[in-house]
Amino acid sequence: MECFSYIITRDHGFAPNPFHGYCTLATCKPMIREKAKIGDWIVGFASRSFEERKIIYIMNVSEKINFEDYWHDIRFQIKKPNMKASVVKAYGDNIYYKDLEINKWIQVDSHHSYDEGIVNPINYENDTKSEFVLISDNFYYFGKKPIIVPPEINIEKLIIKRGNTRVKDEMQFMPLIEWIRSRWRQNYIYNDPAKFDKVVRYSGK
């Protein structure tokens, strides 16, 4: 078991997407999506504009599938985006499927595309560096009110300086997991994402 951590600079409810009973990481963070295994933990820290010990979400990977399986899985049809519907629907993260004739991933109209579904090559290139989607039915999402981890919980190895952090020693992150389990209900969205007031698209820059 390992733990991957990173800083979330744009919390829209897209990556991760905590809605409809599953927390999913289907875009961005290609290294984490490629390397993480079932049973691993993912921790998303608030950006440096907050204290570094603030956590937006934490998820335990229960499944790992590719874009194509995610696209066709009946459970995740509700995570396909509709940019003209509710904010929750607009930020759906099920946005890639395989065109078998050209053997290429297709990016649909979404937070990661341009207007009218025109492909955003920056987001496309980054997202498709890994074809895997991480799925969790054991997660805690705190959104715009990230929780503060007290100093007595030693998570210094997880604190982000840049990029991603990958910790393989369970003794260094299990106290955090146990602390969260003892205080919060799993599979629960405690607050809306920080940037959830309107639908926007991400340029990739």
N, C-alpha and C. Protein backbone atom coordinates (compact mmCIF):
# COMPACT_ATOMS: atom_id res chain seq x y z
N MET A 1 0.84 -1.20 0.00
CA MET A 1 0.00 0.00 0.00
C MET A 1 0.87 1.24 0.00
N GLU A 2 0.49 2.21 -0.84
CA GLU A 2 1.23 3.46 -0.94
C GLU A 2 0.27 4.63 -0.80
N CYS A 3 0.83 5.83 -0.65
CA CYS A 3 0.02 7.04 -0.58
C CYS A 3 0.59 8.07 -1.52
N PHE A 4 -0.26 8.61 -2.39
CA PHE A 4 0.12 9.67 -3.32
C PHE A 4 -0.55 10.97 -2.85
N SER A 5 0.18 12.05 -2.88
CA SER A 5 -0.41 13.33 -2.49
C SER A 5 -0.01 14.41 -3.48
N TYR A 6 -0.84 15.44 -3.57
CA TYR A 6 -0.58 16.55 -4.49
C TYR A 6 -1.40 17.75 -4.05
N ILE A 7 -1.09 18.91 -4.62
CA ILE A 7 -1.81 20.13 -4.31
C ILE A 7 -2.89 20.38 -5.36
N ILE A 8 -4.09 20.67 -4.90
CA ILE A 8 -5.20 21.01 -5.78
C ILE A 8 -5.27 22.52 -5.91
N THR A 9 -5.02 23.03 -7.09
CA THR A 9 -5.05 24.48 -7.30
C THR A 9 -6.40 24.95 -7.84
N ARG A 10 -7.20 24.03 -8.39
CA ARG A 10 -8.50 24.39 -8.97
C ARG A 10 -9.53 23.34 -8.56
N ASP A 11 -10.25 23.61 -7.51
CA ASP A 11 -11.23 22.65 -7.01
C ASP A 11 -12.61 22.97 -7.55
N HIS A 12 -12.94 22.37 -8.72
CA HIS A 12 -14.23 22.58 -9.36
C HIS A 12 -15.19 21.41 -9.15
N GLY A 13 -14.69 20.29 -8.63
CA GLY A 13 -15.50 19.08 -8.59
C GLY A 13 -15.33 18.25 -9.85
N PHE A 14 -14.27 18.54 -10.59
CA PHE A 14 -13.97 17.83 -11.85
C PHE A 14 -12.86 16.82 -11.64
N ALA A 15 -11.77 17.23 -11.04
CA ALA A 15 -10.65 16.33 -10.76
C ALA A 15 -10.11 16.64 -9.36
N PRO A 16 -10.59 15.93 -8.36
CA PRO A 16 -11.46 14.75 -8.46
C PRO A 16 -12.93 15.14 -8.63
N ASN A 17 -13.70 14.14 -9.05
CA ASN A 17 -15.15 14.28 -9.14
C ASN A 17 -15.76 13.41 -8.04
N PRO A 18 -16.33 14.03 -7.00
CA PRO A 18 -16.80 13.23 -5.85
C PRO A 18 -18.28 12.87 -5.90
N PHE A 19 -18.94 13.11 -7.03
CA PHE A 19 -20.40 13.00 -7.09
C PHE A 19 -20.90 11.61 -7.50
N HIS A 20 -22.16 11.37 -7.22
CA HIS A 20 -22.89 10.17 -7.66
C HIS A 20 -22.36 8.89 -7.03
N GLY A 21 -21.89 9.00 -5.79
CA GLY A 21 -21.54 7.81 -5.02
C GLY A 21 -20.12 7.31 -5.16
N TYR A 22 -19.36 7.90 -6.08
CA TYR A 22 -17.97 7.50 -6.28
C TYR A 22 -17.10 8.75 -6.40
N CYS A 23 -15.93 8.71 -5.82
CA CYS A 23 -14.93 9.75 -6.06
C CYS A 23 -14.00 9.21 -7.14
N THR A 24 -13.88 9.97 -8.23
CA THR A 24 -13.10 9.51 -9.38
C THR A 24 -12.04 10.52 -9.76
N LEU A 25 -10.89 10.01 -10.15
CA LEU A 25 -9.82 10.83 -10.70
C LEU A 25 -9.60 10.31 -12.11
N ALA A 26 -10.19 11.02 -13.09
CA ALA A 26 -10.20 10.54 -14.47
C ALA A 26 -9.43 11.44 -15.41
N THR A 27 -9.02 12.61 -14.94
CA THR A 27 -8.25 13.55 -15.76
C THR A 27 -7.16 14.15 -14.89
N CYS A 28 -6.26 14.91 -15.52
CA CYS A 28 -5.13 15.52 -14.79
C CYS A 28 -4.31 14.42 -14.09
N LYS A 29 -3.27 14.82 -13.38
CA LYS A 29 -2.43 13.93 -12.57
C LYS A 29 -2.15 12.58 -13.24
N PRO A 30 -1.60 12.57 -14.46
CA PRO A 30 -1.39 11.30 -15.17
C PRO A 30 -0.42 10.35 -14.47
N MET A 31 0.58 10.89 -13.79
CA MET A 31 1.52 10.00 -13.10
C MET A 31 0.82 9.23 -12.00
N ILE A 32 0.00 9.93 -11.23
CA ILE A 32 -0.73 9.26 -10.16
C ILE A 32 -1.70 8.24 -10.73
N ARG A 33 -2.44 8.61 -11.77
CA ARG A 33 -3.39 7.66 -12.38
C ARG A 33 -2.68 6.44 -12.96
N GLU A 34 -1.47 6.63 -13.44
CA GLU A 34 -0.71 5.52 -14.02
C GLU A 34 -0.14 4.61 -12.95
N LYS A 35 0.40 5.18 -11.88
CA LYS A 35 1.16 4.42 -10.89
C LYS A 35 0.31 3.83 -9.76
N ALA A 36 -0.75 4.51 -9.38
CA ALA A 36 -1.53 4.07 -8.22
C ALA A 36 -2.17 2.71 -8.48
N LYS A 37 -2.30 1.92 -7.41
CA LYS A 37 -2.88 0.59 -7.49
C LYS A 37 -4.10 0.52 -6.58
N ILE A 38 -4.88 -0.52 -6.78
CA ILE A 38 -6.02 -0.76 -5.88
C ILE A 38 -5.49 -0.92 -4.46
N GLY A 39 -6.10 -0.20 -3.53
CA GLY A 39 -5.67 -0.23 -2.14
C GLY A 39 -4.84 0.97 -1.75
N ASP A 40 -4.29 1.68 -2.73
CA ASP A 40 -3.49 2.87 -2.43
C ASP A 40 -4.40 4.03 -2.03
N TRP A 41 -3.79 5.03 -1.38
CA TRP A 41 -4.52 6.22 -0.96
C TRP A 41 -4.06 7.42 -1.77
N ILE A 42 -5.00 8.33 -2.06
CA ILE A 42 -4.70 9.59 -2.73
C ILE A 42 -5.16 10.72 -1.81
N VAL A 43 -4.27 11.69 -1.58
CA VAL A 43 -4.60 12.83 -0.73
C VAL A 43 -4.43 14.11 -1.54
N GLY A 44 -5.47 14.94 -1.55
CA GLY A 44 -5.41 16.23 -2.23
C GLY A 44 -5.35 17.36 -1.22
N PHE A 45 -4.21 18.05 -1.17
CA PHE A 45 -4.03 19.17 -0.24
C PHE A 45 -4.54 20.46 -0.88
N ALA A 46 -4.97 21.39 -0.03
CA ALA A 46 -5.35 22.71 -0.51
C ALA A 46 -4.11 23.42 -1.04
N SER A 47 -4.34 24.40 -1.92
CA SER A 47 -3.22 25.11 -2.54
C SER A 47 -2.45 25.91 -1.52
N ARG A 48 -1.32 26.44 -1.96
CA ARG A 48 -0.44 27.16 -1.05
C ARG A 48 -1.05 28.46 -0.53
N SER A 49 -2.19 28.86 -1.09
CA SER A 49 -2.88 30.03 -0.55
C SER A 49 -3.50 29.70 0.81
N PHE A 50 -3.60 28.39 1.09
CA PHE A 50 -4.04 27.93 2.40
C PHE A 50 -2.82 27.37 3.13
N GLU A 51 -3.04 26.92 4.35
CA GLU A 51 -1.97 26.22 5.05
C GLU A 51 -1.76 24.87 4.39
N GLU A 52 -0.53 24.40 4.38
CA GLU A 52 -0.24 23.17 3.66
C GLU A 52 -0.80 21.93 4.35
N ARG A 53 -1.27 22.06 5.57
CA ARG A 53 -1.81 20.90 6.27
C ARG A 53 -3.33 20.77 6.07
N LYS A 54 -3.87 21.53 5.15
CA LYS A 54 -5.31 21.45 4.88
C LYS A 54 -5.58 20.46 3.74
N ILE A 55 -6.54 19.57 3.97
CA ILE A 55 -6.86 18.52 3.02
C ILE A 55 -8.24 18.74 2.42
N ILE A 56 -8.31 18.73 1.09
CA ILE A 56 -9.58 18.87 0.38
C ILE A 56 -10.29 17.52 0.25
N TYR A 57 -9.52 16.48 -0.02
CA TYR A 57 -10.14 15.16 -0.12
C TYR A 57 -9.10 14.08 0.11
N ILE A 58 -9.61 12.91 0.43
CA ILE A 58 -8.75 11.72 0.53
C ILE A 58 -9.58 10.54 0.03
N MET A 59 -8.97 9.70 -0.78
CA MET A 59 -9.68 8.54 -1.33
C MET A 59 -8.80 7.31 -1.32
N ASN A 60 -9.44 6.17 -1.11
CA ASN A 60 -8.79 4.88 -1.20
C ASN A 60 -9.18 4.25 -2.54
N VAL A 61 -8.21 3.87 -3.34
CA VAL A 61 -8.49 3.36 -4.68
C VAL A 61 -9.12 1.97 -4.58
N SER A 62 -10.36 1.86 -5.02
CA SER A 62 -11.05 0.57 -4.99
C SER A 62 -11.10 -0.10 -6.35
N GLU A 63 -10.99 0.72 -7.42
CA GLU A 63 -10.95 0.19 -8.79
C GLU A 63 -10.03 1.05 -9.63
N LYS A 64 -9.48 0.42 -10.67
CA LYS A 64 -8.67 1.14 -11.65
C LYS A 64 -9.01 0.58 -13.02
N ILE A 65 -9.62 1.43 -13.87
CA ILE A 65 -10.02 1.00 -15.20
C ILE A 65 -9.54 2.01 -16.23
N ASN A 66 -9.63 1.66 -17.51
CA ASN A 66 -9.18 2.62 -18.52
C ASN A 66 -10.34 3.49 -19.00
N PHE A 67 -10.01 4.50 -19.82
CA PHE A 67 -11.02 5.43 -20.31
C PHE A 67 -12.17 4.72 -21.00
N GLU A 68 -11.86 3.73 -21.81
CA GLU A 68 -12.89 3.06 -22.60
C GLU A 68 -13.89 2.32 -21.70
N ASP A 69 -13.36 1.61 -20.71
CA ASP A 69 -14.25 0.91 -19.78
C ASP A 69 -15.07 1.90 -18.95
N TYR A 70 -14.44 3.00 -18.57
CA TYR A 70 -15.13 4.03 -17.81
C TYR A 70 -16.28 4.62 -18.65
N TRP A 71 -16.00 4.87 -19.91
CA TRP A 71 -17.00 5.45 -20.81
C TRP A 71 -18.24 4.57 -20.94
N HIS A 72 -18.04 3.25 -20.99
CA HIS A 72 -19.15 2.32 -21.23
C HIS A 72 -19.78 1.76 -19.96
N ASP A 73 -19.13 1.92 -18.82
CA ASP A 73 -19.65 1.35 -17.57
C ASP A 73 -20.97 2.03 -17.21
N ILE A 74 -22.01 1.23 -16.96
CA ILE A 74 -23.33 1.78 -16.69
C ILE A 74 -23.33 2.66 -15.44
N ARG A 75 -22.46 2.37 -14.49
CA ARG A 75 -22.43 3.15 -13.25
C ARG A 75 -22.00 4.59 -13.48
N PHE A 76 -21.23 4.82 -14.54
CA PHE A 76 -20.60 6.12 -14.72
C PHE A 76 -21.16 6.92 -15.90
N GLN A 77 -22.29 6.46 -16.44
CA GLN A 77 -22.94 7.26 -17.49
C GLN A 77 -23.34 8.63 -16.95
N ILE A 78 -23.69 8.68 -15.67
CA ILE A 78 -24.11 9.92 -15.05
C ILE A 78 -22.95 10.91 -14.90
N LYS A 79 -21.72 10.41 -15.06
CA LYS A 79 -20.56 11.29 -14.97
C LYS A 79 -20.11 11.81 -16.33
N LYS A 80 -20.88 11.52 -17.37
CA LYS A 80 -20.61 12.15 -18.67
C LYS A 80 -21.12 13.58 -18.61
N PRO A 81 -20.34 14.55 -19.06
CA PRO A 81 -20.70 15.95 -18.86
C PRO A 81 -21.81 16.44 -19.78
N ASN A 82 -22.55 17.40 -19.27
CA ASN A 82 -23.53 18.15 -20.05
C ASN A 82 -23.31 19.61 -19.70
N MET A 83 -22.68 20.35 -20.59
CA MET A 83 -22.27 21.71 -20.29
C MET A 83 -23.44 22.68 -20.20
N LYS A 84 -24.65 22.24 -20.57
CA LYS A 84 -25.82 23.11 -20.51
C LYS A 84 -26.76 22.72 -19.38
N ALA A 85 -26.33 21.79 -18.55
CA ALA A 85 -27.16 21.34 -17.44
C ALA A 85 -26.66 21.94 -16.12
N SER A 86 -26.88 21.25 -15.04
CA SER A 86 -26.46 21.74 -13.73
C SER A 86 -24.94 21.79 -13.62
N VAL A 87 -24.45 22.47 -12.59
CA VAL A 87 -23.00 22.55 -12.38
C VAL A 87 -22.43 21.15 -12.16
N VAL A 88 -23.13 20.33 -11.40
CA VAL A 88 -22.66 18.96 -11.17
C VAL A 88 -22.50 18.21 -12.48
N LYS A 89 -23.50 18.31 -13.36
CA LYS A 89 -23.43 17.62 -14.65
C LYS A 89 -22.34 18.21 -15.54
N ALA A 90 -22.21 19.53 -15.52
CA ALA A 90 -21.21 20.17 -16.38
C ALA A 90 -19.80 19.73 -16.04
N TYR A 91 -19.55 19.44 -14.78
CA TYR A 91 -18.21 19.04 -14.38
C TYR A 91 -18.02 17.52 -14.36
N GLY A 92 -18.86 16.81 -15.09
CA GLY A 92 -18.65 15.38 -15.24
C GLY A 92 -17.29 15.09 -15.85
N ASP A 93 -16.63 14.03 -15.35
CA ASP A 93 -15.24 13.75 -15.77
C ASP A 93 -15.11 12.57 -16.72
N ASN A 94 -16.23 12.01 -17.17
CA ASN A 94 -16.19 10.87 -18.10
C ASN A 94 -16.15 11.44 -19.51
N ILE A 95 -14.95 11.83 -19.97
CA ILE A 95 -14.86 12.68 -21.17
C ILE A 95 -14.05 12.07 -22.32
N TYR A 96 -13.59 10.84 -22.19
CA TYR A 96 -12.79 10.25 -23.27
C TYR A 96 -13.34 8.88 -23.67
N TYR A 97 -13.38 8.64 -24.97
CA TYR A 97 -13.69 7.31 -25.48
C TYR A 97 -12.81 7.05 -26.70
N LYS A 98 -12.68 5.80 -27.09
CA LYS A 98 -11.78 5.42 -28.17
C LYS A 98 -12.52 5.34 -29.51
N ASP A 99 -12.01 6.08 -30.49
CA ASP A 99 -12.47 5.91 -31.88
C ASP A 99 -11.66 4.76 -32.46
N LEU A 100 -12.28 3.62 -32.64
CA LEU A 100 -11.55 2.42 -33.04
C LEU A 100 -11.02 2.51 -34.47
N GLU A 101 -11.66 3.29 -35.32
CA GLU A 101 -11.20 3.39 -36.71
C GLU A 101 -9.85 4.08 -36.81
N ILE A 102 -9.63 5.07 -35.95
CA ILE A 102 -8.35 5.78 -35.99
C ILE A 102 -7.49 5.47 -34.78
N ASN A 103 -8.03 4.61 -33.89
CA ASN A 103 -7.32 4.20 -32.67
C ASN A 103 -6.82 5.42 -31.88
N LYS A 104 -7.76 6.29 -31.59
CA LYS A 104 -7.42 7.54 -30.91
C LYS A 104 -8.50 7.90 -29.90
N TRP A 105 -8.06 8.47 -28.77
CA TRP A 105 -9.01 8.93 -27.78
C TRP A 105 -9.72 10.18 -28.28
N ILE A 106 -11.03 10.23 -28.05
CA ILE A 106 -11.84 11.39 -28.42
C ILE A 106 -12.21 12.14 -27.15
N GLN A 107 -11.99 13.45 -27.17
CA GLN A 107 -12.33 14.31 -26.03
C GLN A 107 -13.70 14.94 -26.30
N VAL A 108 -14.64 14.75 -25.39
CA VAL A 108 -15.99 15.30 -25.60
C VAL A 108 -16.10 16.69 -24.99
N ASP A 109 -17.21 17.35 -25.30
CA ASP A 109 -17.50 18.69 -24.79
C ASP A 109 -17.51 18.66 -23.27
N SER A 110 -16.62 19.44 -22.64
CA SER A 110 -16.43 19.31 -21.20
C SER A 110 -15.63 20.49 -20.65
N HIS A 111 -15.39 20.45 -19.37
CA HIS A 111 -14.55 21.43 -18.68
C HIS A 111 -13.16 21.49 -19.31
N HIS A 112 -12.70 20.41 -19.91
CA HIS A 112 -11.35 20.34 -20.48
C HIS A 112 -11.31 20.61 -21.98
N SER A 113 -12.46 20.88 -22.59
CA SER A 113 -12.46 21.23 -24.01
C SER A 113 -12.70 22.72 -24.18
N TYR A 114 -12.57 23.18 -25.42
CA TYR A 114 -12.97 24.55 -25.74
C TYR A 114 -14.48 24.59 -25.95
N ASP A 115 -15.01 25.80 -26.18
CA ASP A 115 -16.44 25.95 -26.44
C ASP A 115 -16.88 25.06 -27.60
N GLU A 116 -18.12 24.60 -27.47
CA GLU A 116 -18.74 23.74 -28.49
C GLU A 116 -18.02 22.41 -28.67
N GLY A 117 -17.23 22.02 -27.68
CA GLY A 117 -16.57 20.73 -27.73
C GLY A 117 -15.33 20.65 -28.59
N ILE A 118 -14.81 21.80 -28.99
CA ILE A 118 -13.56 21.80 -29.75
C ILE A 118 -12.43 21.31 -28.85
N VAL A 119 -11.64 20.40 -29.36
CA VAL A 119 -10.59 19.77 -28.54
C VAL A 119 -9.58 20.80 -28.05
N ASN A 120 -9.29 20.73 -26.76
CA ASN A 120 -8.22 21.53 -26.18
C ASN A 120 -6.97 20.66 -26.17
N PRO A 121 -5.99 20.93 -27.03
CA PRO A 121 -4.84 20.03 -27.17
C PRO A 121 -3.96 19.97 -25.93
N ILE A 122 -3.94 21.04 -25.15
CA ILE A 122 -3.11 21.03 -23.94
C ILE A 122 -3.68 20.04 -22.93
N ASN A 123 -4.97 20.14 -22.65
CA ASN A 123 -5.60 19.21 -21.72
C ASN A 123 -5.62 17.79 -22.28
N TYR A 124 -5.86 17.68 -23.58
CA TYR A 124 -5.88 16.35 -24.21
C TYR A 124 -4.55 15.63 -24.02
N GLU A 125 -3.47 16.33 -24.32
CA GLU A 125 -2.15 15.70 -24.21
C GLU A 125 -1.84 15.29 -22.79
N ASN A 126 -2.16 16.16 -21.84
CA ASN A 126 -1.86 15.83 -20.44
C ASN A 126 -2.74 14.70 -19.93
N ASP A 127 -4.03 14.77 -20.22
CA ASP A 127 -4.95 13.72 -19.73
C ASP A 127 -4.60 12.35 -20.28
N THR A 128 -4.26 12.28 -21.56
CA THR A 128 -4.06 10.98 -22.21
C THR A 128 -2.64 10.43 -22.04
N LYS A 129 -1.82 11.09 -21.22
CA LYS A 129 -0.53 10.50 -20.86
C LYS A 129 -0.74 9.21 -20.08
N SER A 130 -1.90 9.11 -19.46
CA SER A 130 -2.31 7.85 -18.83
C SER A 130 -3.76 7.60 -19.20
N GLU A 131 -4.11 6.38 -19.53
CA GLU A 131 -5.49 6.06 -19.91
C GLU A 131 -6.31 5.54 -18.74
N PHE A 132 -5.74 5.61 -17.53
CA PHE A 132 -6.41 5.01 -16.38
C PHE A 132 -7.25 6.00 -15.58
N VAL A 133 -8.32 5.47 -15.01
CA VAL A 133 -9.21 6.21 -14.13
C VAL A 133 -9.17 5.53 -12.76
N LEU A 134 -8.98 6.32 -11.71
CA LEU A 134 -8.99 5.80 -10.35
C LEU A 134 -10.37 6.02 -9.75
N ILE A 135 -10.93 4.98 -9.15
CA ILE A 135 -12.29 5.01 -8.62
C ILE A 135 -12.27 4.64 -7.15
N SER A 136 -13.06 5.36 -6.36
CA SER A 136 -13.10 5.06 -4.93
C SER A 136 -14.53 5.02 -4.41
N ASP A 137 -14.83 3.97 -3.65
CA ASP A 137 -16.08 3.93 -2.89
C ASP A 137 -15.77 4.04 -1.40
N ASN A 138 -14.58 4.58 -1.10
CA ASN A 138 -14.14 4.84 0.27
C ASN A 138 -13.39 6.16 0.26
N PHE A 139 -14.14 7.26 0.40
CA PHE A 139 -13.53 8.57 0.26
C PHE A 139 -14.15 9.57 1.23
N TYR A 140 -13.44 10.70 1.39
CA TYR A 140 -13.88 11.80 2.24
C TYR A 140 -13.58 13.09 1.47
N TYR A 141 -14.61 13.86 1.18
CA TYR A 141 -14.43 15.06 0.38
C TYR A 141 -14.89 16.29 1.17
N PHE A 142 -13.95 17.23 1.40
CA PHE A 142 -14.22 18.38 2.25
C PHE A 142 -14.36 19.68 1.46
N GLY A 143 -13.98 19.68 0.19
CA GLY A 143 -14.24 20.79 -0.70
C GLY A 143 -13.73 22.14 -0.22
N LYS A 144 -14.64 23.14 -0.24
CA LYS A 144 -14.24 24.52 0.03
C LYS A 144 -13.89 24.79 1.49
N LYS A 145 -14.13 23.81 2.36
CA LYS A 145 -13.73 23.93 3.76
C LYS A 145 -12.80 22.77 4.12
N PRO A 146 -11.59 22.82 3.58
CA PRO A 146 -10.65 21.71 3.83
C PRO A 146 -10.35 21.57 5.31
N ILE A 147 -10.13 20.35 5.72
CA ILE A 147 -9.85 20.10 7.14
C ILE A 147 -8.37 20.36 7.43
N ILE A 148 -8.10 20.76 8.64
CA ILE A 148 -6.72 21.02 9.08
C ILE A 148 -6.24 19.81 9.87
N VAL A 149 -5.16 19.22 9.43
CA VAL A 149 -4.58 18.08 10.14
C VAL A 149 -3.76 18.61 11.31
N PRO A 150 -4.05 18.19 12.53
CA PRO A 150 -3.31 18.71 13.68
C PRO A 150 -1.85 18.30 13.66
N PRO A 151 -0.99 19.10 14.27
CA PRO A 151 0.46 18.84 14.24
C PRO A 151 0.86 17.48 14.80
N GLU A 152 0.04 16.96 15.75
CA GLU A 152 0.41 15.67 16.34
C GLU A 152 0.28 14.51 15.37
N ILE A 153 -0.43 14.72 14.26
CA ILE A 153 -0.50 13.70 13.21
C ILE A 153 0.67 13.97 12.26
N ASN A 154 1.64 13.10 12.29
CA ASN A 154 2.87 13.31 11.53
C ASN A 154 2.66 12.97 10.05
N ILE A 155 2.48 14.01 9.24
CA ILE A 155 2.30 13.80 7.80
C ILE A 155 3.36 14.56 7.01
N GLU A 156 4.47 14.85 7.63
CA GLU A 156 5.48 15.68 6.98
C GLU A 156 5.96 15.09 5.66
N LYS A 157 6.01 13.77 5.56
CA LYS A 157 6.45 13.14 4.32
C LYS A 157 5.44 13.33 3.19
N LEU A 158 4.20 13.67 3.56
CA LEU A 158 3.17 13.86 2.54
C LEU A 158 3.04 15.30 2.10
N ILE A 159 3.58 16.23 2.87
CA ILE A 159 3.45 17.64 2.55
C ILE A 159 4.15 17.94 1.23
N ILE A 160 3.43 18.64 0.35
CA ILE A 160 3.91 18.87 -1.00
C ILE A 160 4.84 20.07 -1.08
N LYS A 161 5.95 19.88 -1.73
CA LYS A 161 6.83 21.00 -2.06
C LYS A 161 6.65 21.39 -3.52
N ARG A 162 6.55 20.41 -4.38
CA ARG A 162 6.26 20.64 -5.80
C ARG A 162 5.85 19.29 -6.41
N GLY A 163 5.04 19.34 -7.44
CA GLY A 163 4.64 18.11 -8.12
C GLY A 163 3.82 17.19 -7.24
N ASN A 164 4.19 15.91 -7.23
CA ASN A 164 3.50 14.90 -6.46
C ASN A 164 4.44 14.30 -5.43
N THR A 165 3.86 13.75 -4.39
CA THR A 165 4.64 13.01 -3.40
C THR A 165 4.11 11.58 -3.34
N ARG A 166 5.01 10.64 -3.31
CA ARG A 166 4.63 9.22 -3.25
C ARG A 166 5.34 8.59 -2.05
N VAL A 167 4.56 8.11 -1.10
CA VAL A 167 5.11 7.53 0.13
C VAL A 167 4.74 6.06 0.20
N LYS A 168 5.74 5.22 0.39
CA LYS A 168 5.51 3.77 0.39
C LYS A 168 5.44 3.18 1.79
N ASP A 169 5.90 3.91 2.79
CA ASP A 169 5.91 3.41 4.16
C ASP A 169 4.57 3.70 4.82
N GLU A 170 3.78 2.65 5.07
CA GLU A 170 2.45 2.83 5.64
C GLU A 170 2.49 3.53 6.99
N MET A 171 3.55 3.33 7.73
CA MET A 171 3.66 3.94 9.05
C MET A 171 3.67 5.46 8.97
N GLN A 172 4.00 6.00 7.80
CA GLN A 172 4.10 7.45 7.65
C GLN A 172 2.78 8.10 7.26
N PHE A 173 1.81 7.30 6.79
CA PHE A 173 0.53 7.93 6.43
C PHE A 173 -0.69 7.28 7.08
N MET A 174 -0.55 6.10 7.68
CA MET A 174 -1.70 5.46 8.30
C MET A 174 -2.26 6.23 9.50
N PRO A 175 -1.43 6.94 10.29
CA PRO A 175 -2.03 7.75 11.36
C PRO A 175 -3.03 8.78 10.83
N LEU A 176 -2.75 9.35 9.65
CA LEU A 176 -3.68 10.29 9.04
C LEU A 176 -4.97 9.59 8.66
N ILE A 177 -4.87 8.41 8.05
CA ILE A 177 -6.05 7.66 7.64
C ILE A 177 -6.90 7.31 8.87
N GLU A 178 -6.25 6.84 9.90
CA GLU A 178 -6.98 6.44 11.11
C GLU A 178 -7.64 7.64 11.77
N TRP A 179 -6.96 8.78 11.76
CA TRP A 179 -7.52 10.00 12.36
C TRP A 179 -8.78 10.43 11.61
N ILE A 180 -8.72 10.40 10.29
CA ILE A 180 -9.89 10.77 9.48
C ILE A 180 -11.03 9.78 9.68
N ARG A 181 -10.71 8.50 9.68
CA ARG A 181 -11.75 7.47 9.86
C ARG A 181 -12.48 7.63 11.20
N SER A 182 -11.76 8.08 12.20
CA SER A 182 -12.34 8.18 13.54
C SER A 182 -13.26 9.39 13.70
N ARG A 183 -13.22 10.32 12.73
CA ARG A 183 -13.95 11.59 12.90
C ARG A 183 -14.98 11.86 11.82
N TRP A 184 -14.84 11.25 10.66
CA TRP A 184 -15.75 11.58 9.56
C TRP A 184 -16.33 10.32 8.92
N ARG A 185 -17.50 10.49 8.37
CA ARG A 185 -18.19 9.40 7.69
C ARG A 185 -17.64 9.27 6.28
N GLN A 186 -17.37 8.05 5.87
CA GLN A 186 -16.81 7.84 4.53
C GLN A 186 -17.89 7.99 3.46
N ASN A 187 -17.42 8.17 2.21
CA ASN A 187 -18.30 8.33 1.04
C ASN A 187 -19.27 9.48 1.25
N TYR A 188 -18.72 10.61 1.68
CA TYR A 188 -19.58 11.74 2.00
C TYR A 188 -18.96 13.04 1.49
N ILE A 189 -19.80 13.89 0.92
CA ILE A 189 -19.37 15.21 0.45
C ILE A 189 -19.76 16.22 1.52
N TYR A 190 -18.77 16.73 2.24
CA TYR A 190 -19.05 17.62 3.36
C TYR A 190 -19.31 19.06 2.93
N ASN A 191 -18.72 19.47 1.82
CA ASN A 191 -18.93 20.82 1.30
C ASN A 191 -18.83 20.79 -0.22
N ASP A 192 -19.41 21.79 -0.86
CA ASP A 192 -19.24 21.94 -2.29
C ASP A 192 -17.79 22.22 -2.64
N PRO A 193 -17.38 21.97 -3.88
CA PRO A 193 -16.04 22.39 -4.32
C PRO A 193 -15.88 23.91 -4.15
N ALA A 194 -14.63 24.35 -4.05
CA ALA A 194 -14.35 25.77 -3.82
C ALA A 194 -14.82 26.65 -4.96
N LYS A 195 -14.74 26.14 -6.20
CA LYS A 195 -15.10 26.93 -7.38
C LYS A 195 -16.32 26.30 -8.04
N PHE A 196 -17.44 26.42 -7.35
CA PHE A 196 -18.64 25.70 -7.77
C PHE A 196 -19.80 26.65 -8.05
N ASP A 197 -19.50 27.96 -8.18
CA ASP A 197 -20.56 28.94 -8.34
C ASP A 197 -21.02 29.08 -9.79
N LYS A 198 -20.15 28.71 -10.72
CA LYS A 198 -20.52 28.81 -12.12
C LYS A 198 -19.70 27.81 -12.95
N VAL A 199 -20.15 27.56 -14.16
CA VAL A 199 -19.47 26.62 -15.05
C VAL A 199 -18.43 27.37 -15.87
N VAL A 200 -17.21 26.91 -15.83
CA VAL A 200 -16.14 27.50 -16.64
C VAL A 200 -15.39 26.37 -17.34
N ARG A 201 -14.58 26.75 -18.31
CA ARG A 201 -13.70 25.80 -18.98
C ARG A 201 -12.26 26.10 -18.61
N TYR A 202 -11.45 25.05 -18.62
CA TYR A 202 -10.05 25.21 -18.23
C TYR A 202 -9.19 25.22 -19.49
N SER A 203 -8.39 26.28 -19.63
CA SER A 203 -7.57 26.43 -20.83
C SER A 203 -6.38 25.48 -20.86
N GLY A 204 -5.98 25.02 -19.68
CA GLY A 204 -4.80 24.15 -19.61
C GLY A 204 -3.53 24.92 -19.29
N LYS A 205 -3.61 26.24 -19.22
CA LYS A 205 -2.45 27.08 -18.94
C LYS A 205 -2.49 27.59 -17.51
